[in-house]
Amino acid sequence: MSEYIDRPRSELTELELSKLEEFEFTHGPMSLIQNAINNQSPVVISCRNNHKLIAKVKAFDRHCNLVLENVKELWTETVKNNKGKKIKSISRERFISKLFLRGDSIVIILKA
């Protein structure tokens, strides 16, 4: 596979590109997501809107777009008085059975 990694992608054939992508999914940073799919283990996803997702990954692509199942979404809301002063923080959560998450909204993905 090292011969594919060093060459520009524009010089690779479709077959070589697919082999390279498969290698990257099993040995690179995306292997964490691939292992989560294979083991059906949950992951923790931190999103750009300060929401956290705990879910099982069903599918993903090279852009880190994810299809998730059994999603538990967690976030914190702050309650302010009429003068704008923070009174308290409230932890919220909700359950979503199926979710498509666009890759550009993901900050980090961790094993649960």
PDB file of N, CA and C in Angstrom:
ATOM      1  N   MET A   1       0.808  -1.209   0.000  1.00  0.00           N
ATOM      2  CA  MET A   1       0.000   0.000   0.000  1.00  0.00           C
ATOM      3  C   MET A   1       0.849   1.270   0.000  1.00  0.00           C
ATOM      4  N   SER A   2       2.080   1.184   0.447  1.00  0.00           N
ATOM      5  CA  SER A   2       2.918   2.382   0.532  1.00  0.00           C
ATOM      6  C   SER A   2       3.167   3.006  -0.837  1.00  0.00           C
ATOM      7  N   GLU A   3       3.125   2.188  -1.897  1.00  0.00           N
ATOM      8  CA  GLU A   3       3.329   2.757  -3.236  1.00  0.00           C
ATOM      9  C   GLU A   3       2.169   3.647  -3.648  1.00  0.00           C
ATOM     10  N   TYR A   4       0.967   3.407  -3.090  1.00  0.00           N
ATOM     11  CA  TYR A   4      -0.194   4.249  -3.400  1.00  0.00           C
ATOM     12  C   TYR A   4      -0.186   5.528  -2.574  1.00  0.00           C
ATOM     13  N   ILE A   5       0.300   5.458  -1.350  1.00  0.00           N
ATOM     14  CA  ILE A   5       0.259   6.606  -0.436  1.00  0.00           C
ATOM     15  C   ILE A   5       1.127   7.752  -0.947  1.00  0.00           C
ATOM     16  N   ASP A   6       2.282   7.426  -1.495  1.00  0.00           N
ATOM     17  CA  ASP A   6       3.230   8.454  -1.931  1.00  0.00           C
ATOM     18  C   ASP A   6       2.902   9.065  -3.287  1.00  0.00           C
ATOM     19  N   ARG A   7       2.059   8.401  -4.069  1.00  0.00           N
ATOM     20  CA  ARG A   7       1.725   8.922  -5.398  1.00  0.00           C
ATOM     21  C   ARG A   7       0.547   9.884  -5.323  1.00  0.00           C
ATOM     22  N   PRO A   8       0.527  10.903  -6.198  1.00  0.00           N
ATOM     23  CA  PRO A   8      -0.647  11.799  -6.229  1.00  0.00           C
ATOM     24  C   PRO A   8      -1.896  11.024  -6.624  1.00  0.00           C
ATOM     25  N   ARG A   9      -3.005  11.397  -6.028  1.00  0.00           N
ATOM     26  CA  ARG A   9      -4.272  10.697  -6.300  1.00  0.00           C
ATOM     27  C   ARG A   9      -4.706  10.814  -7.760  1.00  0.00           C
ATOM     28  N   SER A  10      -4.298  11.887  -8.415  1.00  0.00           N
ATOM     29  CA  SER A  10      -4.670  12.064  -9.818  1.00  0.00           C
ATOM     30  C   SER A  10      -4.011  11.031 -10.726  1.00  0.00           C
ATOM     31  N   GLU A  11      -2.925  10.422 -10.273  1.00  0.00           N
ATOM     32  CA  GLU A  11      -2.217   9.416 -11.064  1.00  0.00           C
ATOM     33  C   GLU A  11      -2.716   7.998 -10.808  1.00  0.00           C
ATOM     34  N   LEU A  12      -3.582   7.811  -9.815  1.00  0.00           N
ATOM     35  CA  LEU A  12      -4.056   6.475  -9.464  1.00  0.00           C
ATOM     36  C   LEU A  12      -5.279   6.089 -10.284  1.00  0.00           C
ATOM     37  N   THR A  13      -5.395   4.797 -10.588  1.00  0.00           N
ATOM     38  CA  THR A  13      -6.587   4.292 -11.276  1.00  0.00           C
ATOM     39  C   THR A  13      -7.718   4.150 -10.256  1.00  0.00           C
ATOM     40  N   GLU A  14      -8.918   3.870 -10.745  1.00  0.00           N
ATOM     41  CA  GLU A  14     -10.064   3.688  -9.845  1.00  0.00           C
ATOM     42  C   GLU A  14      -9.828   2.523  -8.883  1.00  0.00           C
ATOM     43  N   LEU A  15      -9.265   1.443  -9.385  1.00  0.00           N
ATOM     44  CA  LEU A  15      -8.986   0.278  -8.548  1.00  0.00           C
ATOM     45  C   LEU A  15      -7.953   0.606  -7.475  1.00  0.00           C
ATOM     46  N   GLU A  16      -6.913   1.329  -7.852  1.00  0.00           N
ATOM     47  CA  GLU A  16      -5.887   1.722  -6.886  1.00  0.00           C
ATOM     48  C   GLU A  16      -6.451   2.686  -5.849  1.00  0.00           C
ATOM     49  N   LEU A  17      -7.318   3.597  -6.282  1.00  0.00           N
ATOM     50  CA  LEU A  17      -7.961   4.521  -5.335  1.00  0.00           C
ATOM     51  C   LEU A  17      -8.815   3.777  -4.324  1.00  0.00           C
ATOM     52  N   SER A  18      -9.575   2.795  -4.793  1.00  0.00           N
ATOM     53  CA  SER A  18     -10.430   2.042  -3.868  1.00  0.00           C
ATOM     54  C   SER A  18      -9.597   1.226  -2.889  1.00  0.00           C
ATOM     55  N   LYS A  19      -8.460   0.657  -3.353  1.00  0.00           N
ATOM     56  CA  LYS A  19      -7.579  -0.078  -2.447  1.00  0.00           C
ATOM     57  C   LYS A  19      -6.958   0.858  -1.416  1.00  0.00           C
ATOM     58  N   LEU A  20      -6.542   2.032  -1.855  1.00  0.00           N
ATOM     59  CA  LEU A  20      -5.965   3.010  -0.937  1.00  0.00           C
ATOM     60  C   LEU A  20      -6.979   3.463   0.106  1.00  0.00           C
ATOM     61  N   GLU A  21      -8.208   3.724  -0.329  1.00  0.00           N
ATOM     62  CA  GLU A  21      -9.257   4.152   0.604  1.00  0.00           C
ATOM     63  C   GLU A  21      -9.548   3.048   1.620  1.00  0.00           C
ATOM     64  N   GLU A  22      -9.616   1.808   1.161  1.00  0.00           N
ATOM     65  CA  GLU A  22      -9.853   0.689   2.072  1.00  0.00           C
ATOM     66  C   GLU A  22      -8.711   0.568   3.092  1.00  0.00           C
ATOM     67  N   PHE A  23      -7.472   0.749   2.636  1.00  0.00           N
ATOM     68  CA  PHE A  23      -6.320   0.704   3.536  1.00  0.00           C
ATOM     69  C   PHE A  23      -6.393   1.819   4.572  1.00  0.00           C
ATOM     70  N   GLU A  24      -6.753   3.034   4.129  1.00  0.00           N
ATOM     71  CA  GLU A  24      -6.850   4.160   5.057  1.00  0.00           C
ATOM     72  C   GLU A  24      -7.962   3.962   6.078  1.00  0.00           C
ATOM     73  N   PHE A  25      -9.076   3.348   5.665  1.00  0.00           N
ATOM     74  CA  PHE A  25     -10.184   3.108   6.586  1.00  0.00           C
ATOM     75  C   PHE A  25      -9.835   2.048   7.627  1.00  0.00           C
ATOM     76  N   THR A  26      -8.928   1.121   7.297  1.00  0.00           N
ATOM     77  CA  THR A  26      -8.598   0.054   8.248  1.00  0.00           C
ATOM     78  C   THR A  26      -7.346   0.344   9.064  1.00  0.00           C
ATOM     79  N   HIS A  27      -6.492   1.279   8.622  1.00  0.00           N
ATOM     80  CA  HIS A  27      -5.242   1.532   9.337  1.00  0.00           C
ATOM     81  C   HIS A  27      -5.050   2.987   9.755  1.00  0.00           C
ATOM     82  N   GLY A  28      -5.797   3.904   9.209  1.00  0.00           N
ATOM     83  CA  GLY A  28      -5.626   5.317   9.516  1.00  0.00           C
ATOM     84  C   GLY A  28      -6.551   5.768  10.633  1.00  0.00           C
ATOM     85  N   PRO A  29      -6.750   7.063  10.762  1.00  0.00           N
ATOM     86  CA  PRO A  29      -7.629   7.603  11.805  1.00  0.00           C
ATOM     87  C   PRO A  29      -9.084   7.138  11.672  1.00  0.00           C
ATOM     88  N   MET A  30      -9.494   6.834  10.444  1.00  0.00           N
ATOM     89  CA  MET A  30     -10.872   6.374  10.241  1.00  0.00           C
ATOM     90  C   MET A  30     -11.084   4.952  10.758  1.00  0.00           C
ATOM     91  N   SER A  31     -10.004   4.272  11.137  1.00  0.00           N
ATOM     92  CA  SER A  31     -10.140   2.901  11.630  1.00  0.00           C
ATOM     93  C   SER A  31     -10.949   2.861  12.928  1.00  0.00           C
ATOM     94  N   LEU A  32     -10.925   3.934  13.709  1.00  0.00           N
ATOM     95  CA  LEU A  32     -11.733   3.993  14.929  1.00  0.00           C
ATOM     96  C   LEU A  32     -13.222   3.851  14.574  1.00  0.00           C
ATOM     97  N   ILE A  33     -13.651   4.541  13.534  1.00  0.00           N
ATOM     98  CA  ILE A  33     -15.057   4.467  13.128  1.00  0.00           C
ATOM     99  C   ILE A  33     -15.354   3.092  12.536  1.00  0.00           C
ATOM    100  N   GLN A  34     -14.426   2.570  11.723  1.00  0.00           N
ATOM    101  CA  GLN A  34     -14.613   1.251  11.121  1.00  0.00           C
ATOM    102  C   GLN A  34     -14.709   0.175  12.194  1.00  0.00           C
ATOM    103  N   ASN A  35     -13.863   0.256  13.213  1.00  0.00           N
ATOM    104  CA  ASN A  35     -13.927  -0.713  14.321  1.00  0.00           C
ATOM    105  C   ASN A  35     -15.232  -0.585  15.094  1.00  0.00           C
ATOM    106  N   ALA A  36     -15.736   0.640  15.244  1.00  0.00           N
ATOM    107  CA  ALA A  36     -17.018   0.838  15.940  1.00  0.00           C
ATOM    108  C   ALA A  36     -18.158   0.184  15.163  1.00  0.00           C
ATOM    109  N   ILE A  37     -18.090   0.233  13.833  1.00  0.00           N
ATOM    110  CA  ILE A  37     -19.113  -0.424  13.013  1.00  0.00           C
ATOM    111  C   ILE A  37     -18.992  -1.936  13.157  1.00  0.00           C
ATOM    112  N   ASN A  38     -17.772  -2.456  13.013  1.00  0.00           N
ATOM    113  CA  ASN A  38     -17.561  -3.910  13.064  1.00  0.00           C
ATOM    114  C   ASN A  38     -17.938  -4.503  14.416  1.00  0.00           C
ATOM    115  N   ASN A  39     -17.607  -3.812  15.513  1.00  0.00           N
ATOM    116  CA  ASN A  39     -17.884  -4.311  16.864  1.00  0.00           C
ATOM    117  C   ASN A  39     -19.245  -3.872  17.395  1.00  0.00           C
ATOM    118  N   GLN A  40     -19.941  -3.051  16.627  1.00  0.00           N
ATOM    119  CA  GLN A  40     -21.218  -2.458  17.036  1.00  0.00           C
ATOM    120  C   GLN A  40     -21.087  -1.790  18.407  1.00  0.00           C
ATOM    121  N   SER A  41     -19.974  -1.100  18.614  1.00  0.00           N
ATOM    122  CA  SER A  41     -19.745  -0.405  19.876  1.00  0.00           C
ATOM    123  C   SER A  41     -20.089   1.078  19.725  1.00  0.00           C
ATOM    124  N   PRO A  42     -20.556   1.709  20.781  1.00  0.00           N
ATOM    125  CA  PRO A  42     -20.919   3.124  20.696  1.00  0.00           C
ATOM    126  C   PRO A  42     -19.705   4.040  20.670  1.00  0.00           C
ATOM    127  N   VAL A  43     -19.903   5.236  20.137  1.00  0.00           N
ATOM    128  CA  VAL A  43     -18.878   6.272  20.117  1.00  0.00           C
ATOM    129  C   VAL A  43     -19.460   7.539  20.727  1.00  0.00           C
ATOM    130  N   VAL A  44     -18.573   8.404  21.194  1.00  0.00           N
ATOM    131  CA  VAL A  44     -18.963   9.718  21.694  1.00  0.00           C
ATOM    132  C   VAL A  44     -18.500  10.733  20.667  1.00  0.00           C
ATOM    133  N   ILE A  45     -19.422  11.577  20.210  1.00  0.00           N
ATOM    134  CA  ILE A  45     -19.123  12.564  19.179  1.00  0.00           C
ATOM    135  C   ILE A  45     -19.373  13.948  19.762  1.00  0.00           C
ATOM    136  N   SER A  46     -18.365  14.799  19.688  1.00  0.00           N
ATOM    137  CA  SER A  46     -18.508  16.179  20.123  1.00  0.00           C
ATOM    138  C   SER A  46     -18.740  17.029  18.876  1.00  0.00           C
ATOM    139  N   CYS A  47     -19.805  17.814  18.892  1.00  0.00           N
ATOM    140  CA  CYS A  47     -20.190  18.616  17.725  1.00  0.00           C
ATOM    141  C   CYS A  47     -19.836  20.086  17.918  1.00  0.00           C
ATOM    142  N   ARG A  48     -19.876  20.830  16.821  1.00  0.00           N
ATOM    143  CA  ARG A  48     -19.506  22.241  16.844  1.00  0.00           C
ATOM    144  C   ARG A  48     -20.478  23.091  17.657  1.00  0.00           C
ATOM    145  N   ASN A  49     -21.702  22.647  17.844  1.00  0.00           N
ATOM    146  CA  ASN A  49     -22.688  23.418  18.595  1.00  0.00           C
ATOM    147  C   ASN A  49     -22.676  23.076  20.084  1.00  0.00           C
ATOM    148  N   ASN A  50     -21.571  22.473  20.573  1.00  0.00           N
ATOM    149  CA  ASN A  50     -21.401  22.065  21.973  1.00  0.00           C
ATOM    150  C   ASN A  50     -22.382  20.981  22.404  1.00  0.00           C
ATOM    151  N   HIS A  51     -22.934  20.249  21.461  1.00  0.00           N
ATOM    152  CA  HIS A  51     -23.752  19.095  21.781  1.00  0.00           C
ATOM    153  C   HIS A  51     -22.864  17.861  21.724  1.00  0.00           C
ATOM    154  N   LYS A  52     -23.166  16.884  22.573  1.00  0.00           N
ATOM    155  CA  LYS A  52     -22.461  15.608  22.579  1.00  0.00           C
ATOM    156  C   LYS A  52     -23.449  14.535  22.145  1.00  0.00           C
ATOM    157  N   LEU A  53     -22.971  13.599  21.329  1.00  0.00           N
ATOM    158  CA  LEU A  53     -23.798  12.492  20.864  1.00  0.00           C
ATOM    159  C   LEU A  53     -23.148  11.188  21.291  1.00  0.00           C
ATOM    160  N   ILE A  54     -23.944  10.283  21.826  1.00  0.00           N
ATOM    161  CA  ILE A  54     -23.501   8.927  22.116  1.00  0.00           C
ATOM    162  C   ILE A  54     -24.354   8.021  21.243  1.00  0.00           C
ATOM    163  N   ALA A  55     -23.703   7.271  20.336  1.00  0.00           N
ATOM    164  CA  ALA A  55     -24.473   6.524  19.350  1.00  0.00           C
ATOM    165  C   ALA A  55     -23.669   5.370  18.779  1.00  0.00           C
ATOM    166  N   LYS A  56     -24.383   4.496  18.056  1.00  0.00           N
ATOM    167  CA  LYS A  56     -23.740   3.438  17.284  1.00  0.00           C
ATOM    168  C   LYS A  56     -23.661   3.889  15.832  1.00  0.00           C
ATOM    169  N   VAL A  57     -22.509   3.705  15.223  1.00  0.00           N
ATOM    170  CA  VAL A  57     -22.292   4.114  13.835  1.00  0.00           C
ATOM    171  C   VAL A  57     -22.734   2.974  12.920  1.00  0.00           C
ATOM    172  N   LYS A  58     -23.570   3.285  11.949  1.00  0.00           N
ATOM    173  CA  LYS A  58     -24.005   2.289  10.967  1.00  0.00           C
ATOM    174  C   LYS A  58     -23.215   2.408   9.672  1.00  0.00           C
ATOM    175  N   ALA A  59     -22.822   3.631   9.284  1.00  0.00           N
ATOM    176  CA  ALA A  59     -22.073   3.842   8.043  1.00  0.00           C
ATOM    177  C   ALA A  59     -21.365   5.187   8.111  1.00  0.00           C
ATOM    178  N   PHE A  60     -20.313   5.335   7.271  1.00  0.00           N
ATOM    179  CA  PHE A  60     -19.609   6.605   7.180  1.00  0.00           C
ATOM    180  C   PHE A  60     -18.907   6.677   5.833  1.00  0.00           C
ATOM    181  N   ASP A  61     -18.419   7.851   5.480  1.00  0.00           N
ATOM    182  CA  ASP A  61     -17.663   8.020   4.242  1.00  0.00           C
ATOM    183  C   ASP A  61     -16.396   8.821   4.521  1.00  0.00           C
ATOM    184  N   ARG A  62     -15.653   9.118   3.463  1.00  0.00           N
ATOM    185  CA  ARG A  62     -14.347   9.789   3.621  1.00  0.00           C
ATOM    186  C   ARG A  62     -14.477  11.206   4.157  1.00  0.00           C
ATOM    187  N   HIS A  63     -15.666  11.809   4.070  1.00  0.00           N
ATOM    188  CA  HIS A  63     -15.886  13.157   4.587  1.00  0.00           C
ATOM    189  C   HIS A  63     -16.309  13.130   6.048  1.00  0.00           C
ATOM    190  N   CYS A  64     -16.371  11.948   6.615  1.00  0.00           N
ATOM    191  CA  CYS A  64     -16.784  11.723   8.003  1.00  0.00           C
ATOM    192  C   CYS A  64     -18.277  12.000   8.206  1.00  0.00           C
ATOM    193  N   ASN A  65     -19.053  11.952   7.128  1.00  0.00           N
ATOM    194  CA  ASN A  65     -20.502  11.950   7.272  1.00  0.00           C
ATOM    195  C   ASN A  65     -20.864  10.623   7.930  1.00  0.00           C
ATOM    196  N   LEU A  66     -21.777  10.655   8.895  1.00  0.00           N
ATOM    197  CA  LEU A  66     -22.102   9.460   9.667  1.00  0.00           C
ATOM    198  C   LEU A  66     -23.590   9.169   9.636  1.00  0.00           C
ATOM    199  N   VAL A  67     -23.937   7.897   9.563  1.00  0.00           N
ATOM    200  CA  VAL A  67     -25.302   7.440   9.797  1.00  0.00           C
ATOM    201  C   VAL A  67     -25.274   6.794  11.173  1.00  0.00           C
ATOM    202  N   LEU A  68     -26.080   7.322  12.081  1.00  0.00           N
ATOM    203  CA  LEU A  68     -26.062   6.888  13.481  1.00  0.00           C
ATOM    204  C   LEU A  68     -27.398   6.282  13.873  1.00  0.00           C
ATOM    205  N   GLU A  69     -27.343   5.346  14.824  1.00  0.00           N
ATOM    206  CA  GLU A  69     -28.546   4.740  15.397  1.00  0.00           C
ATOM    207  C   GLU A  69     -28.489   4.829  16.914  1.00  0.00           C
ATOM    208  N   ASN A  70     -29.664   4.849  17.519  1.00  0.00           N
ATOM    209  CA  ASN A  70     -29.797   4.898  18.982  1.00  0.00           C
ATOM    210  C   ASN A  70     -28.956   6.028  19.565  1.00  0.00           C
ATOM    211  N   VAL A  71     -29.250   7.234  19.124  1.00  0.00           N
ATOM    212  CA  VAL A  71     -28.466   8.412  19.479  1.00  0.00           C
ATOM    213  C   VAL A  71     -29.018   9.046  20.753  1.00  0.00           C
ATOM    214  N   LYS A  72     -28.130   9.315  21.689  1.00  0.00           N
ATOM    215  CA  LYS A  72     -28.471  10.087  22.881  1.00  0.00           C
ATOM    216  C   LYS A  72     -27.735  11.411  22.756  1.00  0.00           C
ATOM    217  N   GLU A  73     -28.478  12.494  22.644  1.00  0.00           N
ATOM    218  CA  GLU A  73     -27.899  13.833  22.480  1.00  0.00           C
ATOM    219  C   GLU A  73     -27.917  14.544  23.827  1.00  0.00           C
ATOM    220  N   LEU A  74     -26.783  15.117  24.210  1.00  0.00           N
ATOM    221  CA  LEU A  74     -26.653  15.818  25.495  1.00  0.00           C
ATOM    222  C   LEU A  74     -26.156  17.234  25.251  1.00  0.00           C
ATOM    223  N   TRP A  75     -26.745  18.201  25.952  1.00  0.00           N
ATOM    224  CA  TRP A  75     -26.295  19.580  25.865  1.00  0.00           C
ATOM    225  C   TRP A  75     -26.729  20.334  27.116  1.00  0.00           C
ATOM    226  N   THR A  76     -26.175  21.530  27.301  1.00  0.00           N
ATOM    227  CA  THR A  76     -26.478  22.363  28.464  1.00  0.00           C
ATOM    228  C   THR A  76     -27.050  23.687  27.998  1.00  0.00           C
ATOM    229  N   GLU A  77     -28.144  24.100  28.623  1.00  0.00           N
ATOM    230  CA  GLU A  77     -28.759  25.407  28.344  1.00  0.00           C
ATOM    231  C   GLU A  77     -28.582  26.291  29.573  1.00  0.00           C
ATOM    232  N   THR A  78     -28.318  27.561  29.338  1.00  0.00           N
ATOM    233  CA  THR A  78     -28.201  28.504  30.448  1.00  0.00           C
ATOM    234  C   THR A  78     -29.469  29.349  30.527  1.00  0.00           C
ATOM    235  N   VAL A  79     -29.969  29.517  31.731  1.00  0.00           N
ATOM    236  CA  VAL A  79     -31.149  30.331  31.974  1.00  0.00           C
ATOM    237  C   VAL A  79     -30.675  31.701  32.467  1.00  0.00           C
ATOM    238  N   LYS A  80     -31.181  32.769  31.837  1.00  0.00           N
ATOM    239  CA  LYS A  80     -30.788  34.131  32.206  1.00  0.00           C
ATOM    240  C   LYS A  80     -32.010  34.905  32.672  1.00  0.00           C
ATOM    241  N   ASN A  81     -31.766  35.862  33.571  1.00  0.00           N
ATOM    242  CA  ASN A  81     -32.876  36.719  34.018  1.00  0.00           C
ATOM    243  C   ASN A  81     -33.106  37.817  32.985  1.00  0.00           C
ATOM    244  N   ASN A  82     -34.058  38.715  33.261  1.00  0.00           N
ATOM    245  CA  ASN A  82     -34.400  39.760  32.283  1.00  0.00           C
ATOM    246  C   ASN A  82     -33.276  40.785  32.083  1.00  0.00           C
ATOM    247  N   LYS A  83     -32.279  40.813  32.963  1.00  0.00           N
ATOM    248  CA  LYS A  83     -31.138  41.723  32.800  1.00  0.00           C
ATOM    249  C   LYS A  83     -29.978  41.048  32.064  1.00  0.00           C
ATOM    250  N   GLY A  84     -30.149  39.774  31.708  1.00  0.00           N
ATOM    251  CA  GLY A  84     -29.118  39.061  30.977  1.00  0.00           C
ATOM    252  C   GLY A  84     -28.106  38.353  31.853  1.00  0.00           C
ATOM    253  N   LYS A  85     -28.347  38.356  33.168  1.00  0.00           N
ATOM    254  CA  LYS A  85     -27.422  37.685  34.081  1.00  0.00           C
ATOM    255  C   LYS A  85     -27.764  36.198  34.149  1.00  0.00           C
ATOM    256  N   LYS A  86     -26.725  35.360  34.121  1.00  0.00           N
ATOM    257  CA  LYS A  86     -26.904  33.915  34.157  1.00  0.00           C
ATOM    258  C   LYS A  86     -27.426  33.489  35.528  1.00  0.00           C
ATOM    259  N   ILE A  87     -28.541  32.759  35.519  1.00  0.00           N
ATOM    260  CA  ILE A  87     -29.128  32.279  36.768  1.00  0.00           C
ATOM    261  C   ILE A  87     -28.663  30.857  37.064  1.00  0.00           C
ATOM    262  N   LYS A  88     -28.838  29.950  36.079  1.00  0.00           N
ATOM    263  CA  LYS A  88     -28.434  28.554  36.281  1.00  0.00           C
ATOM    264  C   LYS A  88     -28.266  27.862  34.930  1.00  0.00           C
ATOM    265  N   SER A  89     -27.621  26.701  34.972  1.00  0.00           N
ATOM    266  CA  SER A  89     -27.447  25.863  33.791  1.00  0.00           C
ATOM    267  C   SER A  89     -28.309  24.625  33.934  1.00  0.00           C
ATOM    268  N   ILE A  90     -28.939  24.237  32.840  1.00  0.00           N
ATOM    269  CA  ILE A  90     -29.807  23.064  32.828  1.00  0.00           C
ATOM    270  C   ILE A  90     -29.243  22.063  31.820  1.00  0.00           C
ATOM    271  N   SER A  91     -29.011  20.825  32.265  1.00  0.00           N
ATOM    272  CA  SER A  91     -28.567  19.767  31.364  1.00  0.00           C
ATOM    273  C   SER A  91     -29.779  19.164  30.674  1.00  0.00           C
ATOM    274  N   ARG A  92     -29.687  19.032  29.371  1.00  0.00           N
ATOM    275  CA  ARG A  92     -30.792  18.483  28.577  1.00  0.00           C
ATOM    276  C   ARG A  92     -30.302  17.256  27.832  1.00  0.00           C
ATOM    277  N   GLU A  93     -31.235  16.387  27.484  1.00  0.00           N
ATOM    278  CA  GLU A  93     -30.916  15.234  26.652  1.00  0.00           C
ATOM    279  C   GLU A  93     -32.159  14.797  25.892  1.00  0.00           C
ATOM    280  N   ARG A  94     -31.911  14.123  24.770  1.00  0.00           N
ATOM    281  CA  ARG A  94     -33.010  13.559  24.005  1.00  0.00           C
ATOM    282  C   ARG A  94     -32.520  12.323  23.259  1.00  0.00           C
ATOM    283  N   PHE A  95     -33.455  11.482  22.866  1.00  0.00           N
ATOM    284  CA  PHE A  95     -33.145  10.261  22.140  1.00  0.00           C
ATOM    285  C   PHE A  95     -33.593  10.416  20.696  1.00  0.00           C
ATOM    286  N   ILE A  96     -32.743   9.981  19.761  1.00  0.00           N
ATOM    287  CA  ILE A  96     -33.056  10.005  18.337  1.00  0.00           C
ATOM    288  C   ILE A  96     -32.764   8.608  17.805  1.00  0.00           C
ATOM    289  N   SER A  97     -33.735   7.975  17.160  1.00  0.00           N
ATOM    290  CA  SER A  97     -33.540   6.593  16.722  1.00  0.00           C
ATOM    291  C   SER A  97     -32.570   6.490  15.543  1.00  0.00           C
ATOM    292  N   LYS A  98     -32.673   7.362  14.557  1.00  0.00           N
ATOM    293  CA  LYS A  98     -31.759   7.366  13.413  1.00  0.00           C
ATOM    294  C   LYS A  98     -31.392   8.798  13.070  1.00  0.00           C
ATOM    295  N   LEU A  99     -30.109   9.007  12.692  1.00  0.00           N
ATOM    296  CA  LEU A  99     -29.624  10.357  12.454  1.00  0.00           C
ATOM    297  C   LEU A  99     -28.528  10.338  11.402  1.00  0.00           C
ATOM    298  N   PHE A 100     -28.585  11.274  10.469  1.00  0.00           N
ATOM    299  CA  PHE A 100     -27.471  11.512   9.549  1.00  0.00           C
ATOM    300  C   PHE A 100     -26.743  12.741  10.056  1.00  0.00           C
ATOM    301  N   LEU A 101     -25.438  12.617  10.301  1.00  0.00           N
ATOM    302  CA  LEU A 101     -24.635  13.716  10.821  1.00  0.00           C
ATOM    303  C   LEU A 101     -23.608  14.105   9.774  1.00  0.00           C
ATOM    304  N   ARG A 102     -23.659  15.352   9.349  1.00  0.00           N
ATOM    305  CA  ARG A 102     -22.711  15.840   8.344  1.00  0.00           C
ATOM    306  C   ARG A 102     -21.330  15.994   8.968  1.00  0.00           C
ATOM    307  N   GLY A 103     -20.308  15.590   8.251  1.00  0.00           N
ATOM    308  CA  GLY A 103     -18.949  15.525   8.774  1.00  0.00           C
ATOM    309  C   GLY A 103     -18.368  16.869   9.213  1.00  0.00           C
ATOM    310  N   ASP A 104     -18.780  17.967   8.585  1.00  0.00           N
ATOM    311  CA  ASP A 104     -18.173  19.264   8.947  1.00  0.00           C
ATOM    312  C   ASP A 104     -18.677  19.794  10.275  1.00  0.00           C
ATOM    313  N   SER A 105     -19.667  19.146  10.892  1.00  0.00           N
ATOM    314  CA  SER A 105     -20.134  19.592  12.207  1.00  0.00           C
ATOM    315  C   SER A 105     -19.471  18.808  13.339  1.00  0.00           C
ATOM    316  N   ILE A 106     -18.576  17.879  12.999  1.00  0.00           N
ATOM    317  CA  ILE A 106     -17.918  17.038  13.998  1.00  0.00           C
ATOM    318  C   ILE A 106     -16.585  17.661  14.428  1.00  0.00           C
ATOM    319  N   VAL A 107     -16.365  17.724  15.736  1.00  0.00           N
ATOM    320  CA  VAL A 107     -15.092  18.206  16.280  1.00  0.00           C
ATOM    321  C   VAL A 107     -14.188  17.020  16.576  1.00  0.00           C
ATOM    322  N   ILE A 108     -14.702  16.021  17.313  1.00  0.00           N
ATOM    323  CA  ILE A 108     -13.907  14.860  17.694  1.00  0.00           C
ATOM    324  C   ILE A 108     -14.800  13.655  17.889  1.00  0.00           C
ATOM    325  N   ILE A 109     -14.247  12.476  17.626  1.00  0.00           N
ATOM    326  CA  ILE A 109     -14.949  11.215  17.848  1.00  0.00           C
ATOM    327  C   ILE A 109     -14.087  10.351  18.761  1.00  0.00           C
ATOM    328  N   LEU A 110     -14.705   9.810  19.818  1.00  0.00           N
ATOM    329  CA  LEU A 110     -14.007   8.988  20.801  1.00  0.00           C
ATOM    330  C   LEU A 110     -14.717   7.659  20.992  1.00  0.00           C
ATOM    331  N   LYS A 111     -13.977   6.639  21.405  1.00  0.00           N
ATOM    332  CA  LYS A 111     -14.596   5.376  21.789  1.00  0.00           C
ATOM    333  C   LYS A 111     -15.351   5.582  23.092  1.00  0.00           C
ATOM    334  N   ALA A 112     -16.533   4.999  23.190  1.00  0.00           N
ATOM    335  CA  ALA A 112     -17.307   5.129  24.438  1.00  0.00           C
ATOM    336  C   ALA A 112     -16.910   4.061  25.432  1.00  0.00           C
TER     337      ALA A 112
END
